[in-house]
Amino acid sequence: MQPNLPRFVELQFSRFNDQAVNLLVIARSAAGLEVWVHPDWAQRLDAKDRSYLSALMEEWKSAPPDEIPTLLDELSRQSHGPLRVSNSGTLHPDECQALIDRLLAPKR
């Protein structure tokens, strides 16, 4: 891994009868995490899951800078339960926006 490349983790939240919600967590700097989710994510989940996912996203965004590498490592190992990793790694800084745009693109 080259130094200073943004790290990312793409996750999918899905229960048996719900539509999947895709999330993107990006660390472009040591200052904090960006958490991206499609704008209509809340309509896809029931109230309990909306609350749970909202709390997780707030927790991730407020992670202290020294805990970000550990958090990203933990997220990149999610393989059980409703929250699972679909992709993770590093990006060239120019690739970040393309990844965000893909996540936010309207579903067809």
C-alpha atoms as a PDB file:
ATOM      1  CA  MET A   1       0.000   0.000   0.000  1.00  0.00           C
ATOM      2  CA  GLN A   2       1.347   3.378  -0.979  1.00  0.00           C
ATOM      3  CA  PRO A   3       1.316   6.081   1.705  1.00  0.00           C
ATOM      4  CA  ASN A   4      -1.439   8.686   1.678  1.00  0.00           C
ATOM      5  CA  LEU A   5      -3.757   6.797  -0.686  1.00  0.00           C
ATOM      6  CA  PRO A   6      -7.365   7.027   0.454  1.00  0.00           C
ATOM      7  CA  ARG A   7      -8.671   3.810   2.006  1.00  0.00           C
ATOM      8  CA  PHE A   8     -12.245   2.717   1.410  1.00  0.00           C
ATOM      9  CA  VAL A   9     -14.698   0.043   2.453  1.00  0.00           C
ATOM     10  CA  GLU A  10     -17.929  -0.653   0.568  1.00  0.00           C
ATOM     11  CA  LEU A  11     -20.562  -2.345   2.697  1.00  0.00           C
ATOM     12  CA  GLN A  12     -24.020  -3.699   2.108  1.00  0.00           C
ATOM     13  CA  PHE A  13     -26.731  -3.774   4.768  1.00  0.00           C
ATOM     14  CA  SER A  14     -29.530  -6.228   4.101  1.00  0.00           C
ATOM     15  CA  ARG A  15     -31.904  -8.398   6.068  1.00  0.00           C
ATOM     16  CA  PHE A  16     -33.863 -11.264   4.548  1.00  0.00           C
ATOM     17  CA  ASN A  17     -36.927  -9.282   3.419  1.00  0.00           C
ATOM     18  CA  ASP A  18     -35.416  -5.833   2.965  1.00  0.00           C
ATOM     19  CA  GLN A  19     -33.837  -4.219  -0.038  1.00  0.00           C
ATOM     20  CA  ALA A  20     -30.078  -3.846   0.247  1.00  0.00           C
ATOM     21  CA  VAL A  21     -28.547  -0.536   1.286  1.00  0.00           C
ATOM     22  CA  ASN A  22     -25.021   0.136   0.050  1.00  0.00           C
ATOM     23  CA  LEU A  23     -22.627   2.263   2.076  1.00  0.00           C
ATOM     24  CA  LEU A  24     -19.210   3.659   1.315  1.00  0.00           C
ATOM     25  CA  VAL A  25     -16.689   4.651   3.988  1.00  0.00           C
ATOM     26  CA  ILE A  26     -13.661   6.621   2.789  1.00  0.00           C
ATOM     27  CA  ALA A  27     -10.642   7.861   4.721  1.00  0.00           C
ATOM     28  CA  ARG A  28      -9.025  10.519   2.537  1.00  0.00           C
ATOM     29  CA  SER A  29      -7.073  12.006   5.426  1.00  0.00           C
ATOM     30  CA  ALA A  30      -6.314  11.275   9.049  1.00  0.00           C
ATOM     31  CA  ALA A  31      -8.815  13.976  10.003  1.00  0.00           C
ATOM     32  CA  GLY A  32     -11.916  11.825   9.672  1.00  0.00           C
ATOM     33  CA  LEU A  33     -14.092   9.457   7.722  1.00  0.00           C
ATOM     34  CA  GLU A  34     -16.580  10.201   4.996  1.00  0.00           C
ATOM     35  CA  VAL A  35     -19.670   8.007   5.012  1.00  0.00           C
ATOM     36  CA  TRP A  36     -21.730   7.890   1.827  1.00  0.00           C
ATOM     37  CA  VAL A  37     -25.089   6.189   1.373  1.00  0.00           C
ATOM     38  CA  HIS A  38     -27.704   6.438  -1.354  1.00  0.00           C
ATOM     39  CA  PRO A  39     -30.230   9.226  -0.571  1.00  0.00           C
ATOM     40  CA  ASP A  40     -33.228   6.862  -0.497  1.00  0.00           C
ATOM     41  CA  TRP A  41     -31.652   4.398   1.933  1.00  0.00           C
ATOM     42  CA  ALA A  42     -34.110   5.139   4.743  1.00  0.00           C
ATOM     43  CA  GLN A  43     -37.126   4.154   2.623  1.00  0.00           C
ATOM     44  CA  ARG A  44     -35.621   0.702   2.118  1.00  0.00           C
ATOM     45  CA  LEU A  45     -35.434  -0.227   5.804  1.00  0.00           C
ATOM     46  CA  ASP A  46     -37.823  -0.597   8.701  1.00  0.00           C
ATOM     47  CA  ALA A  47     -37.646   1.851  11.635  1.00  0.00           C
ATOM     48  CA  LYS A  48     -35.439  -0.358  13.823  1.00  0.00           C
ATOM     49  CA  ASP A  49     -32.848  -0.868  11.073  1.00  0.00           C
ATOM     50  CA  ARG A  50     -32.935   2.834  10.110  1.00  0.00           C
ATOM     51  CA  SER A  51     -32.126   3.747  13.699  1.00  0.00           C
ATOM     52  CA  TYR A  52     -29.379   1.133  13.935  1.00  0.00           C
ATOM     53  CA  LEU A  53     -27.732   2.159  10.665  1.00  0.00           C
ATOM     54  CA  SER A  54     -27.981   5.881  11.484  1.00  0.00           C
ATOM     55  CA  ALA A  55     -26.226   5.282  14.797  1.00  0.00           C
ATOM     56  CA  LEU A  56     -23.482   3.260  13.104  1.00  0.00           C
ATOM     57  CA  MET A  57     -22.851   5.951  10.499  1.00  0.00           C
ATOM     58  CA  GLU A  58     -22.658   8.665  13.171  1.00  0.00           C
ATOM     59  CA  GLU A  59     -20.268   6.525  15.206  1.00  0.00           C
ATOM     60  CA  TRP A  60     -18.017   6.001  12.182  1.00  0.00           C
ATOM     61  CA  LYS A  61     -17.978   9.711  11.295  1.00  0.00           C
ATOM     62  CA  SER A  62     -17.072  10.678  14.852  1.00  0.00           C
ATOM     63  CA  ALA A  63     -14.234   8.152  15.235  1.00  0.00           C
ATOM     64  CA  PRO A  64     -11.106   9.765  16.647  1.00  0.00           C
ATOM     65  CA  PRO A  65      -8.337  10.043  14.027  1.00  0.00           C
ATOM     66  CA  ASP A  66      -6.086   7.555  15.829  1.00  0.00           C
ATOM     67  CA  GLU A  67      -8.868   4.909  15.720  1.00  0.00           C
ATOM     68  CA  ILE A  68      -9.662   5.232  11.995  1.00  0.00           C
ATOM     69  CA  PRO A  69      -7.173   2.597  10.764  1.00  0.00           C
ATOM     70  CA  THR A  70      -8.513   0.043  13.253  1.00  0.00           C
ATOM     71  CA  LEU A  71     -12.128   0.878  12.365  1.00  0.00           C
ATOM     72  CA  LEU A  72     -11.431   0.457   8.649  1.00  0.00           C
ATOM     73  CA  ASP A  73      -9.733  -2.873   9.346  1.00  0.00           C
ATOM     74  CA  GLU A  74     -12.777  -4.031  11.323  1.00  0.00           C
ATOM     75  CA  LEU A  75     -15.220  -2.874   8.645  1.00  0.00           C
ATOM     76  CA  SER A  76     -13.245  -4.618   5.919  1.00  0.00           C
ATOM     77  CA  ARG A  77     -13.712  -7.930   7.763  1.00  0.00           C
ATOM     78  CA  GLN A  78     -17.515  -7.734   8.090  1.00  0.00           C
ATOM     79  CA  SER A  79     -18.780 -11.048   6.749  1.00  0.00           C
ATOM     80  CA  HIS A  80     -21.598 -12.099   9.079  1.00  0.00           C
ATOM     81  CA  GLY A  81     -24.963 -10.593   9.847  1.00  0.00           C
ATOM     82  CA  PRO A  82     -26.813  -7.901   7.938  1.00  0.00           C
ATOM     83  CA  LEU A  83     -23.724  -5.703   7.402  1.00  0.00           C
ATOM     84  CA  ARG A  84     -21.184  -7.247   5.019  1.00  0.00           C
ATOM     85  CA  VAL A  85     -18.205  -5.933   3.115  1.00  0.00           C
ATOM     86  CA  SER A  86     -18.480  -6.007  -0.668  1.00  0.00           C
ATOM     87  CA  ASN A  87     -15.178  -4.312  -1.510  1.00  0.00           C
ATOM     88  CA  SER A  88     -12.276  -2.608   0.241  1.00  0.00           C
ATOM     89  CA  GLY A  89      -8.821  -1.295  -0.472  1.00  0.00           C
ATOM     90  CA  THR A  90      -7.060   1.875  -1.492  1.00  0.00           C
ATOM     91  CA  LEU A  91      -7.785   4.334  -4.282  1.00  0.00           C
ATOM     92  CA  HIS A  92      -5.972   6.939  -6.237  1.00  0.00           C
ATOM     93  CA  PRO A  93      -7.468  10.249  -5.020  1.00  0.00           C
ATOM     94  CA  ASP A  94      -8.988  10.847  -8.471  1.00  0.00           C
ATOM     95  CA  GLU A  95     -10.952   7.577  -8.197  1.00  0.00           C
ATOM     96  CA  CYS A  96     -12.825   8.588  -5.031  1.00  0.00           C
ATOM     97  CA  GLN A  97     -15.421  10.697  -6.818  1.00  0.00           C
ATOM     98  CA  ALA A  98     -16.143   7.958  -9.361  1.00  0.00           C
ATOM     99  CA  LEU A  99     -16.787   5.506  -6.525  1.00  0.00           C
ATOM    100  CA  ILE A 100     -19.093   7.992  -4.781  1.00  0.00           C
ATOM    101  CA  ASP A 101     -20.941   8.760  -8.032  1.00  0.00           C
ATOM    102  CA  ARG A 102     -21.500   5.055  -8.669  1.00  0.00           C
ATOM    103  CA  LEU A 103     -22.982   4.615  -5.186  1.00  0.00           C
ATOM    104  CA  LEU A 104     -25.271   7.630  -5.572  1.00  0.00           C
ATOM    105  CA  ALA A 105     -26.414   6.822  -9.114  1.00  0.00           C
ATOM    106  CA  PRO A 106     -30.157   6.219  -9.496  1.00  0.00           C
ATOM    107  CA  LYS A 107     -31.141   2.559  -9.353  1.00  0.00           C
ATOM    108  CA  ARG A 108     -32.404   1.161 -12.647  1.00  0.00           C
END
